[in-house]
Amino acid sequence: MINESRRGLTLQSFMTFILWVAGILVSLAVGFSMTTGGTLNDSIPYIPSPVAAITGWIVILFTFIGTILVIINRLMN
């Protein structure tokens, strides 16, 4: 019984990690697309390109900060 519960917890932790990494990759893809003048930067209506670029850098910065904070939190616990 304990073994099945532990296996479920391990699978849940693995799936959480996979989804977390996917979220980071999507955030970075969106952020870099907004900063480099990519398709996302040109397709956002009513927002000038410089504002979209600044917003993209904010997304990238917050993604890195969030990633570092999660890693620190995991190491501390």
PDB file of N, CA and C in Angstrom:
ATOM      1  N   MET A   1       0.822  -1.190   0.000  1.00  0.00           N
ATOM      2  CA  MET A   1       0.000   0.000   0.000  1.00  0.00           C
ATOM      3  C   MET A   1       0.869   1.258   0.000  1.00  0.00           C
ATOM      4  N   ILE A   2       1.906   1.267   0.799  1.00  0.00           N
ATOM      5  CA  ILE A   2       2.785   2.429   0.870  1.00  0.00           C
ATOM      6  C   ILE A   2       3.523   2.606  -0.450  1.00  0.00           C
ATOM      7  N   ASN A   3       3.901   1.498  -1.077  1.00  0.00           N
ATOM      8  CA  ASN A   3       4.638   1.555  -2.334  1.00  0.00           C
ATOM      9  C   ASN A   3       3.796   2.191  -3.438  1.00  0.00           C
ATOM     10  N   GLU A   4       2.502   1.835  -3.511  1.00  0.00           N
ATOM     11  CA  GLU A   4       1.612   2.426  -4.518  1.00  0.00           C
ATOM     12  C   GLU A   4       1.428   3.923  -4.275  1.00  0.00           C
ATOM     13  N   SER A   5       1.315   4.312  -3.037  1.00  0.00           N
ATOM     14  CA  SER A   5       1.162   5.730  -2.708  1.00  0.00           C
ATOM     15  C   SER A   5       2.418   6.507  -3.080  1.00  0.00           C
ATOM     16  N   ARG A   6       3.569   5.916  -2.825  1.00  0.00           N
ATOM     17  CA  ARG A   6       4.831   6.574  -3.157  1.00  0.00           C
ATOM     18  C   ARG A   6       5.004   6.685  -4.665  1.00  0.00           C
ATOM     19  N   ARG A   7       4.595   5.664  -5.396  1.00  0.00           N
ATOM     20  CA  ARG A   7       4.680   5.695  -6.854  1.00  0.00           C
ATOM     21  C   ARG A   7       3.786   6.795  -7.414  1.00  0.00           C
ATOM     22  N   GLY A   8       2.601   6.961  -6.846  1.00  0.00           N
ATOM     23  CA  GLY A   8       1.700   8.023  -7.282  1.00  0.00           C
ATOM     24  C   GLY A   8       2.272   9.402  -7.004  1.00  0.00           C
ATOM     25  N   LEU A   9       2.921   9.535  -5.860  1.00  0.00           N
ATOM     26  CA  LEU A   9       3.546  10.804  -5.518  1.00  0.00           C
ATOM     27  C   LEU A   9       4.705  11.107  -6.457  1.00  0.00           C
ATOM     28  N   THR A  10       5.483  10.093  -6.813  1.00  0.00           N
ATOM     29  CA  THR A  10       6.598  10.279  -7.737  1.00  0.00           C
ATOM     30  C   THR A  10       6.095  10.670  -9.117  1.00  0.00           C
ATOM     31  N   LEU A  11       5.050  10.024  -9.584  1.00  0.00           N
ATOM     32  CA  LEU A  11       4.471  10.365 -10.889  1.00  0.00           C
ATOM     33  C   LEU A  11       3.905  11.780 -10.873  1.00  0.00           C
ATOM     34  N   GLN A  12       3.255  12.152  -9.793  1.00  0.00           N
ATOM     35  CA  GLN A  12       2.704  13.507  -9.673  1.00  0.00           C
ATOM     36  C   GLN A  12       3.830  14.539  -9.668  1.00  0.00           C
ATOM     37  N   SER A  13       4.898  14.268  -8.957  1.00  0.00           N
ATOM     38  CA  SER A  13       6.037  15.194  -8.927  1.00  0.00           C
ATOM     39  C   SER A  13       6.663  15.327 -10.305  1.00  0.00           C
ATOM     40  N   PHE A  14       6.780  14.216 -11.015  1.00  0.00           N
ATOM     41  CA  PHE A  14       7.356  14.238 -12.358  1.00  0.00           C
ATOM     42  C   PHE A  14       6.485  15.051 -13.309  1.00  0.00           C
ATOM     43  N   MET A  15       5.174  14.844 -13.260  1.00  0.00           N
ATOM     44  CA  MET A  15       4.258  15.582 -14.134  1.00  0.00           C
ATOM     45  C   MET A  15       4.277  17.073 -13.795  1.00  0.00           C
ATOM     46  N   THR A  16       4.336  17.405 -12.520  1.00  0.00           N
ATOM     47  CA  THR A  16       4.424  18.809 -12.113  1.00  0.00           C
ATOM     48  C   THR A  16       5.689  19.443 -12.657  1.00  0.00           C
ATOM     49  N   PHE A  17       6.807  18.722 -12.579  1.00  0.00           N
ATOM     50  CA  PHE A  17       8.071  19.234 -13.100  1.00  0.00           C
ATOM     51  C   PHE A  17       8.000  19.447 -14.611  1.00  0.00           C
ATOM     52  N   ILE A  18       7.430  18.492 -15.338  1.00  0.00           N
ATOM     53  CA  ILE A  18       7.308  18.602 -16.796  1.00  0.00           C
ATOM     54  C   ILE A  18       6.452  19.818 -17.173  1.00  0.00           C
ATOM     55  N   LEU A  19       5.359  20.012 -16.497  1.00  0.00           N
ATOM     56  CA  LEU A  19       4.494  21.158 -16.790  1.00  0.00           C
ATOM     57  C   LEU A  19       5.178  22.471 -16.416  1.00  0.00           C
ATOM     58  N   TRP A  20       5.950  22.483 -15.350  1.00  0.00           N
ATOM     59  CA  TRP A  20       6.690  23.674 -14.949  1.00  0.00           C
ATOM     60  C   TRP A  20       7.713  24.049 -16.009  1.00  0.00           C
ATOM     61  N   VAL A  21       8.459  23.067 -16.502  1.00  0.00           N
ATOM     62  CA  VAL A  21       9.451  23.324 -17.551  1.00  0.00           C
ATOM     63  C   VAL A  21       8.768  23.804 -18.827  1.00  0.00           C
ATOM     64  N   ALA A  22       7.639  23.208 -19.178  1.00  0.00           N
ATOM     65  CA  ALA A  22       6.902  23.644 -20.367  1.00  0.00           C
ATOM     66  C   ALA A  22       6.445  25.090 -20.223  1.00  0.00           C
ATOM     67  N   GLY A  23       5.994  25.461 -19.036  1.00  0.00           N
ATOM     68  CA  GLY A  23       5.584  26.844 -18.797  1.00  0.00           C
ATOM     69  C   GLY A  23       6.743  27.814 -18.938  1.00  0.00           C
ATOM     70  N   ILE A  24       7.907  27.426 -18.458  1.00  0.00           N
ATOM     71  CA  ILE A  24       9.094  28.274 -18.599  1.00  0.00           C
ATOM     72  C   ILE A  24       9.445  28.448 -20.072  1.00  0.00           C
ATOM     73  N   LEU A  25       9.429  27.353 -20.824  1.00  0.00           N
ATOM     74  CA  LEU A  25       9.774  27.427 -22.246  1.00  0.00           C
ATOM     75  C   LEU A  25       8.792  28.299 -23.026  1.00  0.00           C
ATOM     76  N   VAL A  26       7.516  28.173 -22.722  1.00  0.00           N
ATOM     77  CA  VAL A  26       6.509  28.994 -23.401  1.00  0.00           C
ATOM     78  C   VAL A  26       6.696  30.468 -23.033  1.00  0.00           C
ATOM     79  N   SER A  27       6.940  30.748 -21.765  1.00  0.00           N
ATOM     80  CA  SER A  27       7.155  32.136 -21.343  1.00  0.00           C
ATOM     81  C   SER A  27       8.366  32.743 -22.038  1.00  0.00           C
ATOM     82  N   LEU A  28       9.451  31.987 -22.111  1.00  0.00           N
ATOM     83  CA  LEU A  28      10.643  32.497 -22.781  1.00  0.00           C
ATOM     84  C   LEU A  28      10.408  32.679 -24.280  1.00  0.00           C
ATOM     85  N   ALA A  29       9.682  31.761 -24.892  1.00  0.00           N
ATOM     86  CA  ALA A  29       9.396  31.889 -26.321  1.00  0.00           C
ATOM     87  C   ALA A  29       8.566  33.139 -26.598  1.00  0.00           C
ATOM     88  N   VAL A  30       7.557  33.374 -25.778  1.00  0.00           N
ATOM     89  CA  VAL A  30       6.717  34.562 -25.952  1.00  0.00           C
ATOM     90  C   VAL A  30       7.523  35.825 -25.687  1.00  0.00           C
ATOM     91  N   GLY A  31       8.286  35.823 -24.600  1.00  0.00           N
ATOM     92  CA  GLY A  31       9.077  37.008 -24.265  1.00  0.00           C
ATOM     93  C   GLY A  31      10.089  37.355 -25.335  1.00  0.00           C
ATOM     94  N   PHE A  32      10.838  36.353 -25.821  1.00  0.00           N
ATOM     95  CA  PHE A  32      11.843  36.631 -26.854  1.00  0.00           C
ATOM     96  C   PHE A  32      11.192  37.018 -28.174  1.00  0.00           C
ATOM     97  N   SER A  33      10.020  36.468 -28.466  1.00  0.00           N
ATOM     98  CA  SER A  33       9.320  36.860 -29.690  1.00  0.00           C
ATOM     99  C   SER A  33       8.870  38.315 -29.618  1.00  0.00           C
ATOM    100  N   MET A  34       8.528  38.772 -28.436  1.00  0.00           N
ATOM    101  CA  MET A  34       8.105  40.164 -28.278  1.00  0.00           C
ATOM    102  C   MET A  34       9.291  41.121 -28.337  1.00  0.00           C
ATOM    103  N   THR A  35      10.476  40.683 -27.929  1.00  0.00           N
ATOM    104  CA  THR A  35      11.624  41.587 -27.879  1.00  0.00           C
ATOM    105  C   THR A  35      12.361  41.694 -29.206  1.00  0.00           C
ATOM    106  N   THR A  36      12.340  40.647 -30.005  1.00  0.00           N
ATOM    107  CA  THR A  36      13.150  40.631 -31.220  1.00  0.00           C
ATOM    108  C   THR A  36      12.407  41.128 -32.440  1.00  0.00           C
ATOM    109  N   GLY A  37      11.214  41.602 -32.271  1.00  0.00           N
ATOM    110  CA  GLY A  37      10.436  42.054 -33.420  1.00  0.00           C
ATOM    111  C   GLY A  37       9.873  40.893 -34.221  1.00  0.00           C
ATOM    112  N   GLY A  38       9.650  39.794 -33.547  1.00  0.00           N
ATOM    113  CA  GLY A  38       9.108  38.608 -34.194  1.00  0.00           C
ATOM    114  C   GLY A  38       7.640  38.770 -34.535  1.00  0.00           C
ATOM    115  N   THR A  39       7.024  37.681 -34.908  1.00  0.00           N
ATOM    116  CA  THR A  39       5.623  37.728 -35.334  1.00  0.00           C
ATOM    117  C   THR A  39       4.700  38.180 -34.211  1.00  0.00           C
ATOM    118  N   LEU A  40       5.030  37.829 -32.983  1.00  0.00           N
ATOM    119  CA  LEU A  40       4.168  38.233 -31.874  1.00  0.00           C
ATOM    120  C   LEU A  40       4.238  39.736 -31.642  1.00  0.00           C
ATOM    121  N   ASN A  41       5.401  40.323 -31.828  1.00  0.00           N
ATOM    122  CA  ASN A  41       5.566  41.761 -31.638  1.00  0.00           C
ATOM    123  C   ASN A  41       4.731  42.536 -32.655  1.00  0.00           C
ATOM    124  N   ASP A  42       4.660  42.057 -33.881  1.00  0.00           N
ATOM    125  CA  ASP A  42       3.925  42.758 -34.929  1.00  0.00           C
ATOM    126  C   ASP A  42       2.421  42.498 -34.894  1.00  0.00           C
ATOM    127  N   SER A  43       2.000  41.428 -34.248  1.00  0.00           N
ATOM    128  CA  SER A  43       0.584  41.061 -34.314  1.00  0.00           C
ATOM    129  C   SER A  43      -0.235  41.510 -33.109  1.00  0.00           C
ATOM    130  N   ILE A  44       0.378  42.177 -32.143  1.00  0.00           N
ATOM    131  CA  ILE A  44      -0.382  42.671 -30.995  1.00  0.00           C
ATOM    132  C   ILE A  44      -1.007  44.003 -31.382  1.00  0.00           C
ATOM    133  N   PRO A  45      -2.323  44.044 -31.477  1.00  0.00           N
ATOM    134  CA  PRO A  45      -2.962  45.291 -31.930  1.00  0.00           C
ATOM    135  C   PRO A  45      -2.923  46.384 -30.866  1.00  0.00           C
ATOM    136  N   TYR A  46      -2.820  47.610 -31.338  1.00  0.00           N
ATOM    137  CA  TYR A  46      -2.915  48.823 -30.523  1.00  0.00           C
ATOM    138  C   TYR A  46      -1.776  48.999 -29.516  1.00  0.00           C
ATOM    139  N   ILE A  47      -0.743  48.200 -29.605  1.00  0.00           N
ATOM    140  CA  ILE A  47       0.405  48.355 -28.713  1.00  0.00           C
ATOM    141  C   ILE A  47       1.630  48.633 -29.575  1.00  0.00           C
ATOM    142  N   PRO A  48       2.266  49.782 -29.389  1.00  0.00           N
ATOM    143  CA  PRO A  48       3.449  50.093 -30.198  1.00  0.00           C
ATOM    144  C   PRO A  48       4.574  49.085 -29.955  1.00  0.00           C
ATOM    145  N   SER A  49       5.419  48.920 -30.946  1.00  0.00           N
ATOM    146  CA  SER A  49       6.507  47.944 -30.866  1.00  0.00           C
ATOM    147  C   SER A  49       7.434  48.153 -29.669  1.00  0.00           C
ATOM    148  N   PRO A  50       7.818  49.403 -29.340  1.00  0.00           N
ATOM    149  CA  PRO A  50       8.689  49.557 -28.161  1.00  0.00           C
ATOM    150  C   PRO A  50       8.037  49.094 -26.859  1.00  0.00           C
ATOM    151  N   VAL A  51       6.743  49.320 -26.726  1.00  0.00           N
ATOM    152  CA  VAL A  51       6.039  48.875 -25.517  1.00  0.00           C
ATOM    153  C   VAL A  51       5.990  47.348 -25.474  1.00  0.00           C
ATOM    154  N   ALA A  52       5.744  46.727 -26.615  1.00  0.00           N
ATOM    155  CA  ALA A  52       5.727  45.264 -26.676  1.00  0.00           C
ATOM    156  C   ALA A  52       7.105  44.701 -26.358  1.00  0.00           C
ATOM    157  N   ALA A  53       8.155  45.353 -26.827  1.00  0.00           N
ATOM    158  CA  ALA A  53       9.511  44.882 -26.549  1.00  0.00           C
ATOM    159  C   ALA A  53       9.831  44.985 -25.059  1.00  0.00           C
ATOM    160  N   ILE A  54       9.447  46.095 -24.434  1.00  0.00           N
ATOM    161  CA  ILE A  54       9.678  46.254 -22.993  1.00  0.00           C
ATOM    162  C   ILE A  54       8.890  45.201 -22.219  1.00  0.00           C
ATOM    163  N   THR A  55       7.656  44.966 -22.626  1.00  0.00           N
ATOM    164  CA  THR A  55       6.836  43.945 -21.982  1.00  0.00           C
ATOM    165  C   THR A  55       7.469  42.565 -22.143  1.00  0.00           C
ATOM    166  N   GLY A  56       8.035  42.302 -23.314  1.00  0.00           N
ATOM    167  CA  GLY A  56       8.718  41.027 -23.538  1.00  0.00           C
ATOM    168  C   GLY A  56       9.893  40.837 -22.600  1.00  0.00           C
ATOM    169  N   TRP A  57      10.675  41.908 -22.399  1.00  0.00           N
ATOM    170  CA  TRP A  57      11.802  41.809 -21.466  1.00  0.00           C
ATOM    171  C   TRP A  57      11.326  41.607 -20.035  1.00  0.00           C
ATOM    172  N   ILE A  58      10.194  42.205 -19.678  1.00  0.00           N
ATOM    173  CA  ILE A  58       9.625  41.995 -18.341  1.00  0.00           C
ATOM    174  C   ILE A  58       9.213  40.536 -18.173  1.00  0.00           C
ATOM    175  N   VAL A  59       8.601  39.958 -19.203  1.00  0.00           N
ATOM    176  CA  VAL A  59       8.217  38.541 -19.154  1.00  0.00           C
ATOM    177  C   VAL A  59       9.456  37.666 -18.962  1.00  0.00           C
ATOM    178  N   ILE A  60      10.512  37.954 -19.703  1.00  0.00           N
ATOM    179  CA  ILE A  60      11.753  37.167 -19.593  1.00  0.00           C
ATOM    180  C   ILE A  60      12.356  37.317 -18.195  1.00  0.00           C
ATOM    181  N   LEU A  61      12.424  38.550 -17.692  1.00  0.00           N
ATOM    182  CA  LEU A  61      12.987  38.795 -16.376  1.00  0.00           C
ATOM    183  C   LEU A  61      12.204  38.077 -15.285  1.00  0.00           C
ATOM    184  N   PHE A  62      10.875  38.192 -15.323  1.00  0.00           N
ATOM    185  CA  PHE A  62      10.055  37.529 -14.312  1.00  0.00           C
ATOM    186  C   PHE A  62      10.147  36.010 -14.417  1.00  0.00           C
ATOM    187  N   THR A  63      10.307  35.490 -15.618  1.00  0.00           N
ATOM    188  CA  THR A  63      10.474  34.049 -15.784  1.00  0.00           C
ATOM    189  C   THR A  63      11.761  33.584 -15.118  1.00  0.00           C
ATOM    190  N   PHE A  64      12.846  34.313 -15.339  1.00  0.00           N
ATOM    191  CA  PHE A  64      14.113  33.945 -14.710  1.00  0.00           C
ATOM    192  C   PHE A  64      14.038  34.087 -13.190  1.00  0.00           C
ATOM    193  N   ILE A  65      13.456  35.170 -12.706  1.00  0.00           N
ATOM    194  CA  ILE A  65      13.340  35.368 -11.260  1.00  0.00           C
ATOM    195  C   ILE A  65      12.487  34.266 -10.640  1.00  0.00           C
ATOM    196  N   GLY A  66      11.366  33.962 -11.272  1.00  0.00           N
ATOM    197  CA  GLY A  66      10.493  32.898 -10.757  1.00  0.00           C
ATOM    198  C   GLY A  66      11.182  31.549 -10.741  1.00  0.00           C
ATOM    199  N   THR A  67      11.950  31.259 -11.783  1.00  0.00           N
ATOM    200  CA  THR A  67      12.673  29.996 -11.851  1.00  0.00           C
ATOM    201  C   THR A  67      13.705  29.905 -10.733  1.00  0.00           C
ATOM    202  N   ILE A  68      14.452  30.959 -10.530  1.00  0.00           N
ATOM    203  CA  ILE A  68      15.466  30.967  -9.470  1.00  0.00           C
ATOM    204  C   ILE A  68      14.815  30.830  -8.094  1.00  0.00           C
ATOM    205  N   LEU A  69      13.701  31.517  -7.864  1.00  0.00           N
ATOM    206  CA  LEU A  69      13.026  31.434  -6.572  1.00  0.00           C
ATOM    207  C   LEU A  69      12.485  30.036  -6.323  1.00  0.00           C
ATOM    208  N   VAL A  70      11.962  29.376  -7.328  1.00  0.00           N
ATOM    209  CA  VAL A  70      11.453  28.012  -7.152  1.00  0.00           C
ATOM    210  C   VAL A  70      12.597  27.064  -6.823  1.00  0.00           C
ATOM    211  N   ILE A  71      13.717  27.216  -7.515  1.00  0.00           N
ATOM    212  CA  ILE A  71      14.870  26.351  -7.238  1.00  0.00           C
ATOM    213  C   ILE A  71      15.380  26.574  -5.814  1.00  0.00           C
ATOM    214  N   ILE A  72      15.480  27.834  -5.400  1.00  0.00           N
ATOM    215  CA  ILE A  72      15.924  28.135  -4.039  1.00  0.00           C
ATOM    216  C   ILE A  72      14.945  27.551  -3.020  1.00  0.00           C
ATOM    217  N   ASN A  73      13.666  27.676  -3.287  1.00  0.00           N
ATOM    218  CA  ASN A  73      12.647  27.138  -2.377  1.00  0.00           C
ATOM    219  C   ASN A  73      12.772  25.627  -2.263  1.00  0.00           C
ATOM    220  N   ARG A  74      13.009  24.952  -3.384  1.00  0.00           N
ATOM    221  CA  ARG A  74      13.157  23.487  -3.348  1.00  0.00           C
ATOM    222  C   ARG A  74      14.413  23.074  -2.586  1.00  0.00           C
ATOM    223  N   LEU A  75      15.496  23.836  -2.744  1.00  0.00           N
ATOM    224  CA  LEU A  75      16.742  23.505  -2.046  1.00  0.00           C
ATOM    225  C   LEU A  75      16.641  23.749  -0.550  1.00  0.00           C
ATOM    226  N   MET A  76      15.849  24.732  -0.147  1.00  0.00           N
ATOM    227  CA  MET A  76      15.705  25.053   1.268  1.00  0.00           C
ATOM    228  C   MET A  76      14.810  24.046   1.994  1.00  0.00           C
ATOM    229  N   ASN A  77      13.897  23.406   1.270  1.00  0.00           N
ATOM    230  CA  ASN A  77      12.966  22.450   1.910  1.00  0.00           C
ATOM    231  C   ASN A  77      13.464  21.078   1.828  1.00  0.00           C
TER     232      ASN A  77
END
